[in-house]
Structure formats: C-alpha cells, structure tokens
Amino acid sequence: MEEITMETKKEGLAEDILYLFSKPVKQLHTIIGNTVTIREAIMNNFPVKQAEDPNGVKILNGGFQ
C-alpha cells in the first residue's frame, strides 16, 4: 500500500486504524467528516490502472502515476 486517503470523525483516528493493516503506508491523507472510511488507496502491482470497489473506494495502481 503506497498511499491512503481516509475520512475520519476526528484527528488522530486514521493512524490508529492503519495500525490494523500491519504494514507501513508511505503517505496518509485524512479528511474530517461524518464517517470513518477509506476514500482512496494507491497500491503497487495492482492488476488494473484504476478501479472502484462496491463501497466507492477509488483504487489506483501506483505504477501508473
């Protein structure tokens, strides 16, 4: 995982949630909002250039950036 954009209800919550991934994320961007959700994820070696999951999360291949 290269980069994540995450919406949280308060500051600092995103870092706690990333702890659950058990792998480092190079960049974390947060948006304060009404939900706790991942908005965008950039990954290396993803099989397509761009996709969107059923929850509306944008998934991008870092190799195409």
Protein backbone atom coordinates (compact mmCIF):
# COMPACT_ATOMS: atom_id res chain seq x y z
CA MET A 1 0.00 0.00 0.00
CA GLU A 2 1.57 3.26 -1.10
CA GLU A 3 -0.97 5.90 -0.12
CA ILE A 4 -4.38 6.11 1.58
CA THR A 5 -6.93 8.91 1.77
CA MET A 6 -9.17 8.28 4.75
CA GLU A 7 -12.21 10.10 6.15
CA THR A 8 -12.46 10.10 9.95
CA LYS A 9 -14.62 11.79 12.55
CA LYS A 10 -11.68 13.24 14.49
CA GLU A 11 -7.93 13.90 14.23
CA GLY A 12 -5.59 11.01 15.02
CA LEU A 13 -8.07 8.22 14.39
CA ALA A 14 -6.59 7.33 10.98
CA GLU A 15 -3.20 6.43 12.46
CA ASP A 16 -4.91 4.07 14.91
CA ILE A 17 -6.83 2.38 12.10
CA LEU A 18 -3.68 2.00 9.96
CA TYR A 19 -2.14 0.00 12.80
CA LEU A 20 -4.61 -2.76 11.84
CA PHE A 21 -3.02 -3.10 8.36
CA SER A 22 0.21 -4.46 9.93
CA LYS A 23 2.22 -3.00 7.02
CA PRO A 24 3.60 0.52 6.55
CA VAL A 25 1.77 3.05 4.38
CA LYS A 26 4.06 5.69 2.83
CA GLN A 27 1.53 8.53 2.82
CA LEU A 28 -1.67 9.07 4.76
CA HIS A 29 -4.13 11.84 3.95
CA THR A 30 -7.10 12.49 6.21
CA ILE A 31 -10.38 14.28 5.72
CA ILE A 32 -12.52 15.14 8.74
CA GLY A 33 -16.14 14.13 8.07
CA ASN A 34 -19.15 12.26 9.40
CA THR A 35 -17.92 8.71 8.71
CA VAL A 36 -14.84 6.55 9.13
CA THR A 37 -13.95 5.13 5.73
CA ILE A 38 -11.17 4.80 3.18
CA ARG A 39 -11.80 7.11 0.21
CA GLU A 40 -8.80 6.25 -1.99
CA ALA A 41 -6.00 3.67 -1.92
CA ILE A 42 -2.91 3.62 -4.13
CA MET A 43 -1.18 0.23 -4.38
CA ASN A 44 1.77 -1.12 -6.34
CA ASN A 45 1.28 -4.17 -8.57
CA PHE A 46 -2.49 -3.78 -8.76
CA PRO A 47 -3.72 -5.59 -11.91
CA VAL A 48 -5.59 -2.59 -13.39
CA LYS A 49 -4.79 1.12 -13.71
CA GLN A 50 -7.90 2.29 -11.80
CA ALA A 51 -10.92 0.67 -10.16
CA GLU A 52 -13.67 1.45 -7.67
CA ASP A 53 -14.89 -1.06 -5.10
CA PRO A 54 -18.59 -1.52 -4.20
CA ASN A 55 -18.21 0.92 -1.29
CA GLY A 56 -16.98 3.71 -3.57
CA VAL A 57 -13.28 3.44 -2.65
CA LYS A 58 -11.06 4.50 -5.57
CA ILE A 59 -8.20 2.03 -6.06
CA LEU A 60 -5.25 3.20 -8.15
CA ASN A 61 -2.11 1.38 -9.31
CA GLY A 62 0.93 3.34 -8.11
CA GLY A 63 2.92 2.13 -11.14
CA PHE A 64 0.75 4.23 -13.48
CA GLN A 65 1.11 7.50 -11.57
